[in-house]
């Protein structure tokens, strides 16, 4: 996946078994699962960058994401999704 220079992607990006090259900007989190990344600079992603290379890490990622969504539902916070 490529985020072209001058473009802004609003929202989270998840890349599975591939690579991502960010030349523009991502307003959200970037998660790479069993893949590779190339970022033009650290300021191009406003959220977190997480690389997951093992099955356990992938399961933990889903557990964290589900727990956050459930807690946000009960507290009334907007998850941005």
PDB file of N, CA and C in Angstrom:
ATOM      1  N   UNK A   1       0.840  -1.168   0.000  1.00  0.00           N
ATOM      2  CA  UNK A   1       0.000   0.000   0.000  1.00  0.00           C
ATOM      3  C   UNK A   1       0.886   1.231   0.000  1.00  0.00           C
ATOM      4  N   UNK A   2       0.444   2.237  -0.693  1.00  0.00           N
ATOM      5  CA  UNK A   2       1.180   3.501  -0.758  1.00  0.00           C
ATOM      6  C   UNK A   2       0.216   4.641  -0.438  1.00  0.00           C
ATOM      7  N   UNK A   3       0.641   5.506   0.475  1.00  0.00           N
ATOM      8  CA  UNK A   3      -0.068   6.762   0.708  1.00  0.00           C
ATOM      9  C   UNK A   3       0.742   7.816  -0.046  1.00  0.00           C
ATOM     10  N   UNK A   4       0.210   8.291  -1.180  1.00  0.00           N
ATOM     11  CA  UNK A   4       0.992   9.204  -2.025  1.00  0.00           C
ATOM     12  C   UNK A   4       1.298  10.539  -1.344  1.00  0.00           C
ATOM     13  N   UNK A   5       2.376  11.164  -1.792  1.00  0.00           N
ATOM     14  CA  UNK A   5       2.777  12.474  -1.286  1.00  0.00           C
ATOM     15  C   UNK A   5       1.657  13.474  -1.530  1.00  0.00           C
ATOM     16  N   UNK A   6       1.364  14.273  -0.523  1.00  0.00           N
ATOM     17  CA  UNK A   6       0.321  15.279  -0.639  1.00  0.00           C
ATOM     18  C   UNK A   6      -1.071  14.786  -0.284  1.00  0.00           C
ATOM     19  N   UNK A   7      -1.237  13.474  -0.077  1.00  0.00           N
ATOM     20  CA  UNK A   7      -2.538  12.908   0.271  1.00  0.00           C
ATOM     21  C   UNK A   7      -2.639  12.702   1.772  1.00  0.00           C
ATOM     22  N   UNK A   8      -3.856  12.810   2.312  1.00  0.00           N
ATOM     23  CA  UNK A   8      -4.115  12.582   3.729  1.00  0.00           C
ATOM     24  C   UNK A   8      -5.160  11.481   3.845  1.00  0.00           C
ATOM     25  N   UNK A   9      -4.828  10.418   4.582  1.00  0.00           N
ATOM     26  CA  UNK A   9      -5.764   9.334   4.856  1.00  0.00           C
ATOM     27  C   UNK A   9      -6.277   9.528   6.277  1.00  0.00           C
ATOM     28  N   UNK A  10      -7.599   9.686   6.420  1.00  0.00           N
ATOM     29  CA  UNK A  10      -8.204   9.862   7.740  1.00  0.00           C
ATOM     30  C   UNK A  10      -8.732   8.524   8.218  1.00  0.00           C
ATOM     31  N   UNK A  11      -8.203   8.036   9.323  1.00  0.00           N
ATOM     32  CA  UNK A  11      -8.633   6.756   9.877  1.00  0.00           C
ATOM     33  C   UNK A  11      -7.454   5.812  10.024  1.00  0.00           C
ATOM     34  N   UNK A  12      -7.746   4.666  10.628  1.00  0.00           N
ATOM     35  CA  UNK A  12      -6.716   3.666  10.876  1.00  0.00           C
ATOM     36  C   UNK A  12      -6.463   2.825   9.639  1.00  0.00           C
ATOM     37  N   UNK A  13      -5.212   2.364   9.494  1.00  0.00           N
ATOM     38  CA  UNK A  13      -4.835   1.480   8.381  1.00  0.00           C
ATOM     39  C   UNK A  13      -4.270   0.204   8.974  1.00  0.00           C
ATOM     40  N   UNK A  14      -4.746  -0.946   8.464  1.00  0.00           N
ATOM     41  CA  UNK A  14      -4.204  -2.253   8.844  1.00  0.00           C
ATOM     42  C   UNK A  14      -3.741  -2.935   7.565  1.00  0.00           C
ATOM     43  N   UNK A  15      -2.461  -3.327   7.528  1.00  0.00           N
ATOM     44  CA  UNK A  15      -1.881  -4.007   6.371  1.00  0.00           C
ATOM     45  C   UNK A  15      -1.466  -5.405   6.815  1.00  0.00           C
ATOM     46  N   UNK A  16      -2.012  -6.435   6.144  1.00  0.00           N
ATOM     47  CA  UNK A  16      -1.668  -7.824   6.473  1.00  0.00           C
ATOM     48  C   UNK A  16      -0.810  -8.417   5.359  1.00  0.00           C
ATOM     49  N   UNK A  17       0.312  -9.026   5.737  1.00  0.00           N
ATOM     50  CA  UNK A  17       1.194  -9.734   4.802  1.00  0.00           C
ATOM     51  C   UNK A  17       1.595  -8.884   3.611  1.00  0.00           C
ATOM     52  N   UNK A  18       1.891  -7.632   3.851  1.00  0.00           N
ATOM     53  CA  UNK A  18       2.292  -6.739   2.772  1.00  0.00           C
ATOM     54  C   UNK A  18       3.213  -5.665   3.310  1.00  0.00           C
ATOM     55  N   UNK A  19       3.334  -4.612   2.553  1.00  0.00           N
ATOM     56  CA  UNK A  19       4.166  -3.507   2.997  1.00  0.00           C
ATOM     57  C   UNK A  19       3.420  -2.209   2.771  1.00  0.00           C
ATOM     58  N   UNK A  20       3.833  -1.204   3.514  1.00  0.00           N
ATOM     59  CA  UNK A  20       3.228   0.121   3.378  1.00  0.00           C
ATOM     60  C   UNK A  20       4.334   1.156   3.238  1.00  0.00           C
ATOM     61  N   UNK A  21       4.108   2.070   2.342  1.00  0.00           N
ATOM     62  CA  UNK A  21       5.031   3.195   2.156  1.00  0.00           C
ATOM     63  C   UNK A  21       4.200   4.463   2.328  1.00  0.00           C
ATOM     64  N   UNK A  22       4.577   5.260   3.301  1.00  0.00           N
ATOM     65  CA  UNK A  22       3.822   6.471   3.600  1.00  0.00           C
ATOM     66  C   UNK A  22       4.626   7.675   3.145  1.00  0.00           C
ATOM     67  N   UNK A  23       4.172   8.274   2.062  1.00  0.00           N
ATOM     68  CA  UNK A  23       4.800   9.485   1.543  1.00  0.00           C
ATOM     69  C   UNK A  23       3.952  10.704   1.885  1.00  0.00           C
ATOM     70  N   UNK A  24       2.657  10.470   2.124  1.00  0.00           N
ATOM     71  CA  UNK A  24       1.732  11.537   2.519  1.00  0.00           C
ATOM     72  C   UNK A  24       1.548  11.527   4.022  1.00  0.00           C
ATOM     73  N   UNK A  25       0.281  11.607   4.469  1.00  0.00           N
ATOM     74  CA  UNK A  25      -0.002  11.672   5.899  1.00  0.00           C
ATOM     75  C   UNK A  25      -1.142  10.723   6.247  1.00  0.00           C
ATOM     76  N   UNK A  26      -1.060  10.101   7.430  1.00  0.00           N
ATOM     77  CA  UNK A  26      -2.123   9.249   7.951  1.00  0.00           C
ATOM     78  C   UNK A  26      -2.589   9.853   9.271  1.00  0.00           C
ATOM     79  N   UNK A  27      -3.872  10.236   9.318  1.00  0.00           N
ATOM     80  CA  UNK A  27      -4.466  10.749  10.555  1.00  0.00           C
ATOM     81  C   UNK A  27      -5.149   9.583  11.250  1.00  0.00           C
ATOM     82  N   UNK A  28      -4.357   8.764  11.915  1.00  0.00           N
ATOM     83  CA  UNK A  28      -4.857   7.580  12.601  1.00  0.00           C
ATOM     84  C   UNK A  28      -3.708   6.646  12.910  1.00  0.00           C
ATOM     85  N   UNK A  29      -4.045   5.428  13.299  1.00  0.00           N
ATOM     86  CA  UNK A  29      -3.044   4.417  13.628  1.00  0.00           C
ATOM     87  C   UNK A  29      -2.689   3.599  12.395  1.00  0.00           C
ATOM     88  N   UNK A  30      -1.461   3.098  12.373  1.00  0.00           N
ATOM     89  CA  UNK A  30      -1.010   2.191  11.312  1.00  0.00           C
ATOM     90  C   UNK A  30      -0.567   0.898  11.974  1.00  0.00           C
ATOM     91  N   UNK A  31      -1.167  -0.222  11.551  1.00  0.00           N
ATOM     92  CA  UNK A  31      -0.812  -1.541  12.063  1.00  0.00           C
ATOM     93  C   UNK A  31      -0.356  -2.398  10.905  1.00  0.00           C
ATOM     94  N   UNK A  32       0.839  -2.980  11.019  1.00  0.00           N
ATOM     95  CA  UNK A  32       1.402  -3.840   9.984  1.00  0.00           C
ATOM     96  C   UNK A  32       1.514  -5.245  10.567  1.00  0.00           C
ATOM     97  N   UNK A  33       0.860  -6.208   9.919  1.00  0.00           N
ATOM     98  CA  UNK A  33       0.848  -7.581  10.408  1.00  0.00           C
ATOM     99  C   UNK A  33       1.643  -8.447   9.435  1.00  0.00           C
ATOM    100  N   UNK A  34       2.737  -9.028   9.918  1.00  0.00           N
ATOM    101  CA  UNK A  34       3.620  -9.863   9.097  1.00  0.00           C
ATOM    102  C   UNK A  34       4.019  -9.162   7.804  1.00  0.00           C
ATOM    103  N   UNK A  35       4.435  -7.940   7.918  1.00  0.00           N
ATOM    104  CA  UNK A  35       4.817  -7.188   6.737  1.00  0.00           C
ATOM    105  C   UNK A  35       5.968  -6.252   7.034  1.00  0.00           C
ATOM    106  N   UNK A  36       6.161  -5.294   6.125  1.00  0.00           N
ATOM    107  CA  UNK A  36       7.249  -4.342   6.256  1.00  0.00           C
ATOM    108  C   UNK A  36       6.712  -2.939   6.058  1.00  0.00           C
ATOM    109  N   UNK A  37       7.444  -1.973   6.595  1.00  0.00           N
ATOM    110  CA  UNK A  37       7.014  -0.592   6.445  1.00  0.00           C
ATOM    111  C   UNK A  37       8.174   0.278   5.978  1.00  0.00           C
ATOM    112  N   UNK A  38       7.820   1.326   5.349  1.00  0.00           N
ATOM    113  CA  UNK A  38       8.765   2.388   5.006  1.00  0.00           C
ATOM    114  C   UNK A  38       8.028   3.694   5.226  1.00  0.00           C
ATOM    115  N   UNK A  39       8.514   4.499   6.133  1.00  0.00           N
ATOM    116  CA  UNK A  39       7.893   5.781   6.411  1.00  0.00           C
ATOM    117  C   UNK A  39       8.834   6.896   6.007  1.00  0.00           C
ATOM    118  N   UNK A  40       8.290   7.914   5.354  1.00  0.00           N
ATOM    119  CA  UNK A  40       9.115   9.038   4.944  1.00  0.00           C
ATOM    120  C   UNK A  40       9.649   9.791   6.157  1.00  0.00           C
ATOM    121  N   UNK A  41       8.808   9.990   7.175  1.00  0.00           N
ATOM    122  CA  UNK A  41       9.246  10.599   8.426  1.00  0.00           C
ATOM    123  C   UNK A  41       8.230  10.265   9.500  1.00  0.00           C
ATOM    124  N   UNK A  42       8.635  10.329  10.745  1.00  0.00           N
ATOM    125  CA  UNK A  42       7.768   9.935  11.855  1.00  0.00           C
ATOM    126  C   UNK A  42       6.570  10.868  12.002  1.00  0.00           C
ATOM    127  N   UNK A  43       6.640  12.089  11.521  1.00  0.00           N
ATOM    128  CA  UNK A  43       5.545  13.043  11.651  1.00  0.00           C
ATOM    129  C   UNK A  43       4.396  12.790  10.716  1.00  0.00           C
ATOM    130  N   UNK A  44       4.512  11.800   9.832  1.00  0.00           N
ATOM    131  CA  UNK A  44       3.477  11.539   8.845  1.00  0.00           C
ATOM    132  C   UNK A  44       2.319  10.721   9.384  1.00  0.00           C
ATOM    133  N   UNK A  45       2.445  10.163  10.587  1.00  0.00           N
ATOM    134  CA  UNK A  45       1.388   9.370  11.199  1.00  0.00           C
ATOM    135  C   UNK A  45       1.028  10.016  12.525  1.00  0.00           C
ATOM    136  N   UNK A  46      -0.249  10.438  12.667  1.00  0.00           N
ATOM    137  CA  UNK A  46      -0.648  11.124  13.889  1.00  0.00           C
ATOM    138  C   UNK A  46      -0.962  10.154  15.025  1.00  0.00           C
ATOM    139  N   UNK A  47      -1.240   8.896  14.705  1.00  0.00           N
ATOM    140  CA  UNK A  47      -1.532   7.892  15.725  1.00  0.00           C
ATOM    141  C   UNK A  47      -0.321   7.044  16.021  1.00  0.00           C
ATOM    142  N   UNK A  48      -0.582   5.815  16.459  1.00  0.00           N
ATOM    143  CA  UNK A  48       0.489   4.884  16.794  1.00  0.00           C
ATOM    144  C   UNK A  48       0.848   4.015  15.588  1.00  0.00           C
ATOM    145  N   UNK A  49       2.101   3.557  15.566  1.00  0.00           N
ATOM    146  CA  UNK A  49       2.557   2.602  14.560  1.00  0.00           C
ATOM    147  C   UNK A  49       2.873   1.319  15.301  1.00  0.00           C
ATOM    148  N   UNK A  50       2.223   0.229  14.882  1.00  0.00           N
ATOM    149  CA  UNK A  50       2.416  -1.039  15.565  1.00  0.00           C
ATOM    150  C   UNK A  50       2.713  -2.122  14.534  1.00  0.00           C
ATOM    151  N   UNK A  51       3.783  -2.859  14.773  1.00  0.00           N
ATOM    152  CA  UNK A  51       4.148  -3.978  13.911  1.00  0.00           C
ATOM    153  C   UNK A  51       3.909  -5.279  14.660  1.00  0.00           C
ATOM    154  N   UNK A  52       3.176  -6.183  14.032  1.00  0.00           N
ATOM    155  CA  UNK A  52       2.845  -7.467  14.647  1.00  0.00           C
ATOM    156  C   UNK A  52       3.405  -8.562  13.758  1.00  0.00           C
ATOM    157  N   UNK A  53       4.314  -9.381  14.321  1.00  0.00           N
ATOM    158  CA  UNK A  53       4.969 -10.406  13.527  1.00  0.00           C
ATOM    159  C   UNK A  53       4.668 -11.827  13.990  1.00  0.00           C
ATOM    160  N   UNK A  54       3.867 -11.998  15.013  1.00  0.00           N
ATOM    161  CA  UNK A  54       3.592 -13.329  15.525  1.00  0.00           C
ATOM    162  C   UNK A  54       2.114 -13.477  15.805  1.00  0.00           C
ATOM    163  N   UNK A  55       1.633 -14.726  15.834  1.00  0.00           N
ATOM    164  CA  UNK A  55       0.232 -15.009  16.066  1.00  0.00           C
ATOM    165  C   UNK A  55      -0.206 -14.489  17.434  1.00  0.00           C
ATOM    166  N   UNK A  56       0.608 -14.683  18.471  1.00  0.00           N
ATOM    167  CA  UNK A  56       0.239 -14.212  19.806  1.00  0.00           C
ATOM    168  C   UNK A  56       0.047 -12.702  19.812  1.00  0.00           C
ATOM    169  N   UNK A  57       0.926 -11.991  19.160  1.00  0.00           N
ATOM    170  CA  UNK A  57       0.804 -10.531  19.100  1.00  0.00           C
ATOM    171  C   UNK A  57      -0.480 -10.124  18.378  1.00  0.00           C
ATOM    172  N   UNK A  58      -0.838 -10.853  17.338  1.00  0.00           N
ATOM    173  CA  UNK A  58      -2.063 -10.567  16.584  1.00  0.00           C
ATOM    174  C   UNK A  58      -3.288 -10.778  17.488  1.00  0.00           C
ATOM    175  N   UNK A  59      -3.299 -11.857  18.257  1.00  0.00           N
ATOM    176  CA  UNK A  59      -4.406 -12.105  19.170  1.00  0.00           C
ATOM    177  C   UNK A  59      -4.478 -11.013  20.240  1.00  0.00           C
ATOM    178  N   UNK A  60      -3.339 -10.638  20.799  1.00  0.00           N
ATOM    179  CA  UNK A  60      -3.296  -9.588  21.811  1.00  0.00           C
ATOM    180  C   UNK A  60      -3.813  -8.272  21.249  1.00  0.00           C
ATOM    181  N   UNK A  61      -3.474  -7.948  20.014  1.00  0.00           N
ATOM    182  CA  UNK A  61      -3.960  -6.737  19.342  1.00  0.00           C
ATOM    183  C   UNK A  61      -5.488  -6.743  19.299  1.00  0.00           C
ATOM    184  N   UNK A  62      -6.084  -7.877  18.912  1.00  0.00           N
ATOM    185  CA  UNK A  62      -7.546  -7.967  18.842  1.00  0.00           C
ATOM    186  C   UNK A  62      -8.189  -7.872  20.221  1.00  0.00           C
ATOM    187  N   UNK A  63      -7.587  -8.463  21.222  1.00  0.00           N
ATOM    188  CA  UNK A  63      -8.116  -8.397  22.585  1.00  0.00           C
ATOM    189  C   UNK A  63      -8.117  -6.941  23.065  1.00  0.00           C
ATOM    190  N   UNK A  64      -7.002  -6.225  22.832  1.00  0.00           N
ATOM    191  CA  UNK A  64      -6.912  -4.824  23.251  1.00  0.00           C
ATOM    192  C   UNK A  64      -7.955  -3.976  22.535  1.00  0.00           C
ATOM    193  N   UNK A  65      -8.086  -4.180  21.221  1.00  0.00           N
ATOM    194  CA  UNK A  65      -9.014  -3.384  20.418  1.00  0.00           C
ATOM    195  C   UNK A  65     -10.457  -3.625  20.859  1.00  0.00           C
ATOM    196  N   UNK A  66     -10.811  -4.900  21.117  1.00  0.00           N
ATOM    197  CA  UNK A  66     -12.163  -5.235  21.557  1.00  0.00           C
ATOM    198  C   UNK A  66     -12.446  -4.645  22.932  1.00  0.00           C
ATOM    199  N   UNK A  67     -11.504  -4.767  23.847  1.00  0.00           N
ATOM    200  CA  UNK A  67     -11.687  -4.214  25.197  1.00  0.00           C
ATOM    201  C   UNK A  67     -11.880  -2.706  25.139  1.00  0.00           C
ATOM    202  N   UNK A  68     -11.120  -2.031  24.302  1.00  0.00           N
ATOM    203  CA  UNK A  68     -11.256  -0.582  24.172  1.00  0.00           C
ATOM    204  C   UNK A  68     -12.633  -0.216  23.625  1.00  0.00           C
ATOM    205  N   UNK A  69     -13.086  -0.935  22.597  1.00  0.00           N
ATOM    206  CA  UNK A  69     -14.393  -0.653  22.007  1.00  0.00           C
ATOM    207  C   UNK A  69     -15.522  -0.896  23.005  1.00  0.00           C
ATOM    208  N   UNK A  70     -15.425  -1.963  23.793  1.00  0.00           N
ATOM    209  CA  UNK A  70     -16.456  -2.255  24.795  1.00  0.00           C
ATOM    210  C   UNK A  70     -16.467  -1.176  25.872  1.00  0.00           C
ATOM    211  N   UNK A  71     -15.286  -0.802  26.371  1.00  0.00           N
ATOM    212  CA  UNK A  71     -15.239   0.229  27.417  1.00  0.00           C
ATOM    213  C   UNK A  71     -15.714   1.574  26.876  1.00  0.00           C
ATOM    214  N   UNK A  72     -15.415   1.878  25.632  1.00  0.00           N
ATOM    215  CA  UNK A  72     -15.862   3.130  25.030  1.00  0.00           C
ATOM    216  C   UNK A  72     -17.379   3.156  24.883  1.00  0.00           C
ATOM    217  N   UNK A  73     -17.973   2.003  24.613  1.00  0.00           N
ATOM    218  CA  UNK A  73     -19.429   1.902  24.484  1.00  0.00           C
ATOM    219  C   UNK A  73     -20.095   2.278  25.803  1.00  0.00           C
ATOM    220  N   UNK A  74     -19.554   1.756  26.912  1.00  0.00           N
ATOM    221  CA  UNK A  74     -20.160   2.000  28.213  1.00  0.00           C
ATOM    222  C   UNK A  74     -19.866   3.397  28.754  1.00  0.00           C
ATOM    223  N   UNK A  75     -18.762   3.995  28.335  1.00  0.00           N
ATOM    224  CA  UNK A  75     -18.435   5.334  28.822  1.00  0.00           C
ATOM    225  C   UNK A  75     -18.940   6.418  27.876  1.00  0.00           C
ATOM    226  N   UNK A  76     -19.372   6.014  26.681  1.00  0.00           N
ATOM    227  CA  UNK A  76     -19.909   6.977  25.720  1.00  0.00           C
ATOM    228  C   UNK A  76     -18.869   7.696  24.925  1.00  0.00           C
ATOM    229  N   UNK A  77     -17.600   7.252  24.978  1.00  0.00           N
ATOM    230  CA  UNK A  77     -16.540   7.891  24.208  1.00  0.00           C
ATOM    231  C   UNK A  77     -16.635   7.466  22.758  1.00  0.00           C
ATOM    232  N   UNK A  78     -16.234   8.345  21.850  1.00  0.00           N
ATOM    233  CA  UNK A  78     -16.218   8.060  20.421  1.00  0.00           C
ATOM    234  C   UNK A  78     -14.910   7.353  20.083  1.00  0.00           C
ATOM    235  N   UNK A  79     -14.988   6.147  19.455  1.00  0.00           N
ATOM    236  CA  UNK A  79     -13.782   5.393  19.116  1.00  0.00           C
ATOM    237  C   UNK A  79     -13.166   5.849  17.816  1.00  0.00           C
ATOM    238  N   UNK A  80     -13.872   6.674  17.055  1.00  0.00           N
ATOM    239  CA  UNK A  80     -13.317   7.149  15.788  1.00  0.00           C
ATOM    240  C   UNK A  80     -13.497   6.167  14.657  1.00  0.00           C
ATOM    241  N   UNK A  81     -14.224   5.054  14.883  1.00  0.00           N
ATOM    242  CA  UNK A  81     -14.459   4.079  13.811  1.00  0.00           C
ATOM    243  C   UNK A  81     -15.888   4.030  13.430  1.00  0.00           C
TER     244      UNK A  81
END
